[in-house]
């Protein structure tokens, strides 16, 4: 299902975004259904064949439509990937609405598990996209054109900390760092070869046991400075944001 915000061409927060690639002018229920079906076929084909190997022609054949019709909705594989980011990030935000009140560490774990639950049905597709997610400057996790998806999910992690019953100093910075930590865990989960990703589940359980120690450490006077500096360096290194006064 494609989101209302994406259909209206808006980012989270109501700011205008780049119009959805491949969306034909004018919408009808039949057109939406056709786009949904083609999208599902496309992500299944990418999961089976890999991103580099799968072609739009193959996807059209599997869907039983002409290549021209597929191009109306998805003029490139990149458009399929952006639609997938859109759907998954919007679903994660919706799940996060049920985040309970409480300490930041419990809310962070809720956001993390909500992310894993959201992504689980698409794990095969996302695993096939790992080279794109990590290394592609246009469609990767840290690319400017995928910022609409990243900002949605990052906001969930920021809110998990800022809206907690015990927000630490530099709560927004900590939320952004926890978002990045969650991305690293997701990458390990996608690459996990243990039965039913048992190793990743154990890692989440280990993280849960370690978080009370992290919470205690945040009370140290130097903790806020370290968090602020780490956040500034991550923003500069990953997104090109220069925040000199925070990093020094």
C-alpha atoms as a PDB file:
ATOM      1  CA  UNK A   1       0.000   0.000   0.000  1.00  0.00           C
ATOM      2  CA  UNK A   2       1.370   3.403  -0.932  1.00  0.00           C
ATOM      3  CA  UNK A   3       1.074   6.227   1.541  1.00  0.00           C
ATOM      4  CA  UNK A   4      -1.135   9.280   1.438  1.00  0.00           C
ATOM      5  CA  UNK A   5       1.878  11.544   1.952  1.00  0.00           C
ATOM      6  CA  UNK A   6       3.777   9.981  -0.914  1.00  0.00           C
ATOM      7  CA  UNK A   7       0.767  10.194  -3.190  1.00  0.00           C
ATOM      8  CA  UNK A   8       0.362  13.851  -2.373  1.00  0.00           C
ATOM      9  CA  UNK A   9       4.031  14.489  -3.065  1.00  0.00           C
ATOM     10  CA  UNK A  10       4.793  15.568   0.488  1.00  0.00           C
ATOM     11  CA  UNK A  11       7.475  14.747   2.989  1.00  0.00           C
ATOM     12  CA  UNK A  12       6.746  14.037   6.620  1.00  0.00           C
ATOM     13  CA  UNK A  13       6.032  17.365   8.201  1.00  0.00           C
ATOM     14  CA  UNK A  14       4.104  18.670   5.195  1.00  0.00           C
ATOM     15  CA  UNK A  15       7.080  19.961   3.215  1.00  0.00           C
ATOM     16  CA  UNK A  16       6.886  19.506  -0.557  1.00  0.00           C
ATOM     17  CA  UNK A  17       9.100  16.782  -1.975  1.00  0.00           C
ATOM     18  CA  UNK A  18      10.170  15.533  -5.361  1.00  0.00           C
ATOM     19  CA  UNK A  19       7.100  14.180  -7.213  1.00  0.00           C
ATOM     20  CA  UNK A  20       6.893  10.391  -7.260  1.00  0.00           C
ATOM     21  CA  UNK A  21       8.753   9.061 -10.272  1.00  0.00           C
ATOM     22  CA  UNK A  22       6.633   7.101 -12.669  1.00  0.00           C
ATOM     23  CA  UNK A  23       3.229   8.216 -11.402  1.00  0.00           C
ATOM     24  CA  UNK A  24       0.993   8.868 -14.400  1.00  0.00           C
ATOM     25  CA  UNK A  25      -1.066  12.072 -14.357  1.00  0.00           C
ATOM     26  CA  UNK A  26      -4.449  11.570 -12.789  1.00  0.00           C
ATOM     27  CA  UNK A  27      -5.263   8.715 -10.423  1.00  0.00           C
ATOM     28  CA  UNK A  28      -7.926   6.059 -10.654  1.00  0.00           C
ATOM     29  CA  UNK A  29      -8.641   3.012  -8.476  1.00  0.00           C
ATOM     30  CA  UNK A  30      -7.734   0.828 -11.432  1.00  0.00           C
ATOM     31  CA  UNK A  31      -4.452   2.664 -11.888  1.00  0.00           C
ATOM     32  CA  UNK A  32      -3.588   2.376  -8.203  1.00  0.00           C
ATOM     33  CA  UNK A  33      -4.351  -1.346  -8.267  1.00  0.00           C
ATOM     34  CA  UNK A  34      -2.197  -1.818 -11.363  1.00  0.00           C
ATOM     35  CA  UNK A  35       0.694   0.076  -9.805  1.00  0.00           C
ATOM     36  CA  UNK A  36       0.414  -1.954  -6.598  1.00  0.00           C
ATOM     37  CA  UNK A  37       0.465  -5.243  -8.521  1.00  0.00           C
ATOM     38  CA  UNK A  38       3.440  -4.196 -10.638  1.00  0.00           C
ATOM     39  CA  UNK A  39       5.286  -3.044  -7.535  1.00  0.00           C
ATOM     40  CA  UNK A  40       4.770  -6.422  -5.828  1.00  0.00           C
ATOM     41  CA  UNK A  41       5.976  -8.303  -8.893  1.00  0.00           C
ATOM     42  CA  UNK A  42       9.005  -6.017  -9.163  1.00  0.00           C
ATOM     43  CA  UNK A  43      10.167  -6.469  -5.577  1.00  0.00           C
ATOM     44  CA  UNK A  44       9.685 -10.263  -5.818  1.00  0.00           C
ATOM     45  CA  UNK A  45      11.799 -10.331  -8.964  1.00  0.00           C
ATOM     46  CA  UNK A  46      14.518  -8.212  -7.366  1.00  0.00           C
ATOM     47  CA  UNK A  47      14.526 -10.565  -4.360  1.00  0.00           C
ATOM     48  CA  UNK A  48      14.892 -13.619  -6.599  1.00  0.00           C
ATOM     49  CA  UNK A  49      17.308 -12.309  -9.198  1.00  0.00           C
ATOM     50  CA  UNK A  50      19.183  -9.548  -7.385  1.00  0.00           C
ATOM     51  CA  UNK A  51      19.040  -5.846  -8.079  1.00  0.00           C
ATOM     52  CA  UNK A  52      21.718  -5.797 -10.794  1.00  0.00           C
ATOM     53  CA  UNK A  53      20.404  -8.880 -12.611  1.00  0.00           C
ATOM     54  CA  UNK A  54      16.685  -8.160 -12.562  1.00  0.00           C
ATOM     55  CA  UNK A  55      15.439  -6.103 -15.500  1.00  0.00           C
ATOM     56  CA  UNK A  56      12.279  -4.138 -16.132  1.00  0.00           C
ATOM     57  CA  UNK A  57      11.616  -6.332 -19.168  1.00  0.00           C
ATOM     58  CA  UNK A  58      11.672  -9.431 -16.969  1.00  0.00           C
ATOM     59  CA  UNK A  59       9.381  -7.747 -14.483  1.00  0.00           C
ATOM     60  CA  UNK A  60       6.924  -6.851 -17.262  1.00  0.00           C
ATOM     61  CA  UNK A  61       6.924 -10.458 -18.515  1.00  0.00           C
ATOM     62  CA  UNK A  62       6.310 -11.809 -15.013  1.00  0.00           C
ATOM     63  CA  UNK A  63       3.466  -9.340 -14.539  1.00  0.00           C
ATOM     64  CA  UNK A  64       1.993 -10.128 -17.952  1.00  0.00           C
ATOM     65  CA  UNK A  65       2.055  -6.523 -19.135  1.00  0.00           C
ATOM     66  CA  UNK A  66       3.888  -4.581 -21.788  1.00  0.00           C
ATOM     67  CA  UNK A  67       7.157  -2.877 -20.963  1.00  0.00           C
ATOM     68  CA  UNK A  68       5.518   0.402 -21.954  1.00  0.00           C
ATOM     69  CA  UNK A  69       2.811  -0.019 -19.328  1.00  0.00           C
ATOM     70  CA  UNK A  70       5.400  -0.854 -16.675  1.00  0.00           C
ATOM     71  CA  UNK A  71       7.355   2.281 -17.649  1.00  0.00           C
ATOM     72  CA  UNK A  72       4.260   4.393 -17.005  1.00  0.00           C
ATOM     73  CA  UNK A  73       4.461   3.491 -13.341  1.00  0.00           C
ATOM     74  CA  UNK A  74       8.104   2.559 -12.829  1.00  0.00           C
ATOM     75  CA  UNK A  75      10.449   4.027 -15.450  1.00  0.00           C
ATOM     76  CA  UNK A  76      13.463   2.492 -13.703  1.00  0.00           C
ATOM     77  CA  UNK A  77      14.462   0.012 -11.025  1.00  0.00           C
ATOM     78  CA  UNK A  78      15.440   3.018  -8.936  1.00  0.00           C
ATOM     79  CA  UNK A  79      11.776   4.052  -8.906  1.00  0.00           C
ATOM     80  CA  UNK A  80      10.876   0.633  -7.489  1.00  0.00           C
ATOM     81  CA  UNK A  81      13.476   1.005  -4.748  1.00  0.00           C
ATOM     82  CA  UNK A  82      12.245   4.479  -3.800  1.00  0.00           C
ATOM     83  CA  UNK A  83       8.679   3.175  -3.640  1.00  0.00           C
ATOM     84  CA  UNK A  84       9.838   0.388  -1.331  1.00  0.00           C
ATOM     85  CA  UNK A  85      11.587   2.886   0.958  1.00  0.00           C
ATOM     86  CA  UNK A  86       8.428   4.975   0.970  1.00  0.00           C
ATOM     87  CA  UNK A  87       6.171   2.093   1.928  1.00  0.00           C
ATOM     88  CA  UNK A  88       8.405   0.651   4.648  1.00  0.00           C
ATOM     89  CA  UNK A  89       9.243   3.968   6.298  1.00  0.00           C
ATOM     90  CA  UNK A  90       5.580   4.983   6.381  1.00  0.00           C
ATOM     91  CA  UNK A  91       4.612   1.625   7.885  1.00  0.00           C
ATOM     92  CA  UNK A  92       7.280   1.962  10.573  1.00  0.00           C
ATOM     93  CA  UNK A  93       5.994   5.410  11.514  1.00  0.00           C
ATOM     94  CA  UNK A  94       2.478   3.985  11.788  1.00  0.00           C
ATOM     95  CA  UNK A  95       3.639   1.162  14.062  1.00  0.00           C
ATOM     96  CA  UNK A  96       5.554   3.645  16.205  1.00  0.00           C
ATOM     97  CA  UNK A  97       2.327   5.467  17.060  1.00  0.00           C
ATOM     98  CA  UNK A  98       1.756   2.717  19.632  1.00  0.00           C
ATOM     99  CA  UNK A  99       5.032   3.519  21.435  1.00  0.00           C
ATOM    100  CA  UNK A 100       4.298   3.521  25.170  1.00  0.00           C
ATOM    101  CA  UNK A 101       5.396   6.144  27.650  1.00  0.00           C
ATOM    102  CA  UNK A 102       8.432   5.309  29.713  1.00  0.00           C
ATOM    103  CA  UNK A 103      12.243   5.486  29.866  1.00  0.00           C
ATOM    104  CA  UNK A 104      14.147   6.228  26.669  1.00  0.00           C
ATOM    105  CA  UNK A 105      15.807   2.817  26.566  1.00  0.00           C
ATOM    106  CA  UNK A 106      12.436   1.026  26.540  1.00  0.00           C
ATOM    107  CA  UNK A 107      11.096   3.353  23.871  1.00  0.00           C
ATOM    108  CA  UNK A 108      14.231   2.840  21.777  1.00  0.00           C
ATOM    109  CA  UNK A 109      13.771  -0.939  21.975  1.00  0.00           C
ATOM    110  CA  UNK A 110      10.151  -0.498  20.905  1.00  0.00           C
ATOM    111  CA  UNK A 111      11.239   1.550  17.878  1.00  0.00           C
ATOM    112  CA  UNK A 112      13.928  -0.990  17.029  1.00  0.00           C
ATOM    113  CA  UNK A 113      11.587  -3.960  17.224  1.00  0.00           C
ATOM    114  CA  UNK A 114       8.943  -2.083  15.252  1.00  0.00           C
ATOM    115  CA  UNK A 115      11.535  -1.598  12.515  1.00  0.00           C
ATOM    116  CA  UNK A 116      12.436  -5.295  12.462  1.00  0.00           C
ATOM    117  CA  UNK A 117       8.754  -6.278  12.373  1.00  0.00           C
ATOM    118  CA  UNK A 118       8.098  -3.860   9.515  1.00  0.00           C
ATOM    119  CA  UNK A 119      11.033  -5.045   7.437  1.00  0.00           C
ATOM    120  CA  UNK A 120      10.704  -8.784   8.082  1.00  0.00           C
ATOM    121  CA  UNK A 121       8.266  -9.507   5.197  1.00  0.00           C
ATOM    122  CA  UNK A 122      10.686  -7.807   2.783  1.00  0.00           C
ATOM    123  CA  UNK A 123      13.904  -9.276   4.199  1.00  0.00           C
ATOM    124  CA  UNK A 124      14.772 -11.207   1.012  1.00  0.00           C
ATOM    125  CA  UNK A 125      14.286  -8.121  -1.138  1.00  0.00           C
ATOM    126  CA  UNK A 126      16.276  -5.914   1.224  1.00  0.00           C
ATOM    127  CA  UNK A 127      19.057  -8.510   1.443  1.00  0.00           C
ATOM    128  CA  UNK A 128      19.290  -8.416  -2.360  1.00  0.00           C
ATOM    129  CA  UNK A 129      19.519  -4.622  -2.101  1.00  0.00           C
ATOM    130  CA  UNK A 130      22.365  -4.538   0.459  1.00  0.00           C
ATOM    131  CA  UNK A 131      24.930  -3.288  -2.113  1.00  0.00           C
ATOM    132  CA  UNK A 132      22.506  -0.502  -3.030  1.00  0.00           C
ATOM    133  CA  UNK A 133      21.611   0.311   0.570  1.00  0.00           C
ATOM    134  CA  UNK A 134      25.254   0.639   1.583  1.00  0.00           C
ATOM    135  CA  UNK A 135      27.149   1.764  -1.484  1.00  0.00           C
ATOM    136  CA  UNK A 136      24.855   3.553  -3.912  1.00  0.00           C
ATOM    137  CA  UNK A 137      25.123   7.343  -3.645  1.00  0.00           C
ATOM    138  CA  UNK A 138      21.802   7.839  -5.403  1.00  0.00           C
ATOM    139  CA  UNK A 139      19.572   5.179  -3.807  1.00  0.00           C
ATOM    140  CA  UNK A 140      21.518   4.241  -0.661  1.00  0.00           C
ATOM    141  CA  UNK A 141      20.499   4.797   2.932  1.00  0.00           C
ATOM    142  CA  UNK A 142      22.395   8.080   3.135  1.00  0.00           C
ATOM    143  CA  UNK A 143      21.654   9.460  -0.319  1.00  0.00           C
ATOM    144  CA  UNK A 144      19.941  12.867  -0.606  1.00  0.00           C
ATOM    145  CA  UNK A 145      17.124  11.481  -2.723  1.00  0.00           C
ATOM    146  CA  UNK A 146      16.185   8.930  -0.044  1.00  0.00           C
ATOM    147  CA  UNK A 147      16.117  11.542   2.718  1.00  0.00           C
ATOM    148  CA  UNK A 148      12.301  11.502   2.823  1.00  0.00           C
ATOM    149  CA  UNK A 149      12.391   7.903   4.090  1.00  0.00           C
ATOM    150  CA  UNK A 150      15.368   8.354   6.388  1.00  0.00           C
ATOM    151  CA  UNK A 151      13.912  11.435   8.054  1.00  0.00           C
ATOM    152  CA  UNK A 152      10.638   9.661   8.796  1.00  0.00           C
ATOM    153  CA  UNK A 153      12.313   6.811  10.628  1.00  0.00           C
ATOM    154  CA  UNK A 154      14.967   8.971  12.263  1.00  0.00           C
ATOM    155  CA  UNK A 155      12.205  11.119  13.732  1.00  0.00           C
ATOM    156  CA  UNK A 156      10.760   8.030  15.416  1.00  0.00           C
ATOM    157  CA  UNK A 157      14.063   7.398  17.197  1.00  0.00           C
ATOM    158  CA  UNK A 158      14.490  11.046  18.125  1.00  0.00           C
ATOM    159  CA  UNK A 159      10.984  11.113  19.568  1.00  0.00           C
ATOM    160  CA  UNK A 160      11.686   7.908  21.472  1.00  0.00           C
ATOM    161  CA  UNK A 161      14.329   9.819  23.447  1.00  0.00           C
ATOM    162  CA  UNK A 162      12.965  13.356  23.562  1.00  0.00           C
ATOM    163  CA  UNK A 163       9.511  12.148  24.569  1.00  0.00           C
ATOM    164  CA  UNK A 164      10.759   9.737  27.225  1.00  0.00           C
ATOM    165  CA  UNK A 165      10.099  10.059  30.923  1.00  0.00           C
ATOM    166  CA  UNK A 166      13.861  10.464  31.480  1.00  0.00           C
ATOM    167  CA  UNK A 167      15.251  12.391  28.484  1.00  0.00           C
ATOM    168  CA  UNK A 168      19.020  12.851  28.897  1.00  0.00           C
ATOM    169  CA  UNK A 169      20.980  15.930  27.941  1.00  0.00           C
ATOM    170  CA  UNK A 170      21.394  16.196  24.172  1.00  0.00           C
ATOM    171  CA  UNK A 171      18.332  13.985  23.694  1.00  0.00           C
ATOM    172  CA  UNK A 172      17.937  14.783  19.989  1.00  0.00           C
ATOM    173  CA  UNK A 173      21.584  13.929  19.313  1.00  0.00           C
ATOM    174  CA  UNK A 174      21.231  10.664  21.187  1.00  0.00           C
ATOM    175  CA  UNK A 175      18.105   9.848  19.183  1.00  0.00           C
ATOM    176  CA  UNK A 176      19.975  10.366  15.914  1.00  0.00           C
ATOM    177  CA  UNK A 177      22.851   8.172  17.101  1.00  0.00           C
ATOM    178  CA  UNK A 178      20.422   5.451  18.152  1.00  0.00           C
ATOM    179  CA  UNK A 179      18.879   5.629  14.687  1.00  0.00           C
ATOM    180  CA  UNK A 180      22.315   5.002  13.175  1.00  0.00           C
ATOM    181  CA  UNK A 181      22.951   2.171  15.643  1.00  0.00           C
ATOM    182  CA  UNK A 182      19.653   0.634  14.556  1.00  0.00           C
ATOM    183  CA  UNK A 183      20.790   0.801  10.914  1.00  0.00           C
ATOM    184  CA  UNK A 184      23.965  -1.108  11.773  1.00  0.00           C
ATOM    185  CA  UNK A 185      21.920  -3.749  13.540  1.00  0.00           C
ATOM    186  CA  UNK A 186      19.585  -3.998  10.541  1.00  0.00           C
ATOM    187  CA  UNK A 187      22.540  -4.517   8.232  1.00  0.00           C
ATOM    188  CA  UNK A 188      23.759  -7.369  10.431  1.00  0.00           C
ATOM    189  CA  UNK A 189      20.228  -8.798  10.443  1.00  0.00           C
ATOM    190  CA  UNK A 190      20.091  -8.744   6.645  1.00  0.00           C
ATOM    191  CA  UNK A 191      23.434 -10.533   6.413  1.00  0.00           C
ATOM    192  CA  UNK A 192      22.682 -12.957   9.267  1.00  0.00           C
ATOM    193  CA  UNK A 193      23.016 -16.590   8.123  1.00  0.00           C
ATOM    194  CA  UNK A 194      22.033 -18.189  11.420  1.00  0.00           C
ATOM    195  CA  UNK A 195      18.731 -20.153  11.502  1.00  0.00           C
ATOM    196  CA  UNK A 196      15.855 -17.666  11.557  1.00  0.00           C
ATOM    197  CA  UNK A 197      18.383 -14.905  12.260  1.00  0.00           C
ATOM    198  CA  UNK A 198      18.944 -16.288  15.745  1.00  0.00           C
ATOM    199  CA  UNK A 199      22.206 -14.378  16.126  1.00  0.00           C
ATOM    200  CA  UNK A 200      20.468 -11.059  15.482  1.00  0.00           C
ATOM    201  CA  UNK A 201      17.765 -11.859  18.027  1.00  0.00           C
ATOM    202  CA  UNK A 202      20.471 -12.671  20.580  1.00  0.00           C
ATOM    203  CA  UNK A 203      22.198  -9.388  19.785  1.00  0.00           C
ATOM    204  CA  UNK A 204      18.989  -7.441  20.444  1.00  0.00           C
ATOM    205  CA  UNK A 205      18.602  -9.284  23.755  1.00  0.00           C
ATOM    206  CA  UNK A 206      22.203  -8.442  24.648  1.00  0.00           C
ATOM    207  CA  UNK A 207      21.584  -4.818  23.763  1.00  0.00           C
ATOM    208  CA  UNK A 208      18.526  -4.794  26.012  1.00  0.00           C
ATOM    209  CA  UNK A 209      20.650  -5.971  28.942  1.00  0.00           C
ATOM    210  CA  UNK A 210      23.340  -3.384  28.218  1.00  0.00           C
ATOM    211  CA  UNK A 211      21.036  -0.361  27.933  1.00  0.00           C
ATOM    212  CA  UNK A 212      20.642   0.203  31.699  1.00  0.00           C
ATOM    213  CA  UNK A 213      24.435   0.600  31.880  1.00  0.00           C
ATOM    214  CA  UNK A 214      24.316   3.066  29.006  1.00  0.00           C
ATOM    215  CA  UNK A 215      21.546   4.974  30.752  1.00  0.00           C
ATOM    216  CA  UNK A 216      23.645   5.231  33.909  1.00  0.00           C
ATOM    217  CA  UNK A 217      26.694   6.347  31.920  1.00  0.00           C
ATOM    218  CA  UNK A 218      24.701   9.201  30.396  1.00  0.00           C
ATOM    219  CA  UNK A 219      24.519  10.818  33.806  1.00  0.00           C
ATOM    220  CA  UNK A 220      28.269  11.463  33.733  1.00  0.00           C
ATOM    221  CA  UNK A 221      29.170  15.123  33.050  1.00  0.00           C
ATOM    222  CA  UNK A 222      31.219  14.301  29.962  1.00  0.00           C
ATOM    223  CA  UNK A 223      28.498  12.161  28.355  1.00  0.00           C
ATOM    224  CA  UNK A 224      26.537  15.040  26.818  1.00  0.00           C
ATOM    225  CA  UNK A 225      29.664  16.434  25.192  1.00  0.00           C
ATOM    226  CA  UNK A 226      30.603  13.037  23.741  1.00  0.00           C
ATOM    227  CA  UNK A 227      27.110  12.498  22.354  1.00  0.00           C
ATOM    228  CA  UNK A 228      27.005  15.962  20.802  1.00  0.00           C
ATOM    229  CA  UNK A 229      30.410  15.486  19.176  1.00  0.00           C
ATOM    230  CA  UNK A 230      29.623  11.999  17.879  1.00  0.00           C
ATOM    231  CA  UNK A 231      26.345  13.247  16.424  1.00  0.00           C
ATOM    232  CA  UNK A 232      28.048  16.187  14.678  1.00  0.00           C
ATOM    233  CA  UNK A 233      30.735  13.943  13.204  1.00  0.00           C
ATOM    234  CA  UNK A 234      28.168  11.414  11.988  1.00  0.00           C
ATOM    235  CA  UNK A 235      26.100  14.148  10.355  1.00  0.00           C
ATOM    236  CA  UNK A 236      29.167  15.540   8.615  1.00  0.00           C
ATOM    237  CA  UNK A 237      30.541  12.169   7.535  1.00  0.00           C
ATOM    238  CA  UNK A 238      27.287  10.609   6.340  1.00  0.00           C
ATOM    239  CA  UNK A 239      25.229  13.583   5.178  1.00  0.00           C
ATOM    240  CA  UNK A 240      27.773  16.330   4.544  1.00  0.00           C
ATOM    241  CA  UNK A 241      26.337  18.572   7.268  1.00  0.00           C
ATOM    242  CA  UNK A 242      29.030  20.820   8.731  1.00  0.00           C
ATOM    243  CA  UNK A 243      28.353  21.533  12.417  1.00  0.00           C
ATOM    244  CA  UNK A 244      31.675  22.921  13.590  1.00  0.00           C
ATOM    245  CA  UNK A 245      30.506  24.465  16.826  1.00  0.00           C
ATOM    246  CA  UNK A 246      29.036  21.159  17.986  1.00  0.00           C
ATOM    247  CA  UNK A 247      32.020  19.046  17.035  1.00  0.00           C
ATOM    248  CA  UNK A 248      34.534  21.163  18.920  1.00  0.00           C
END
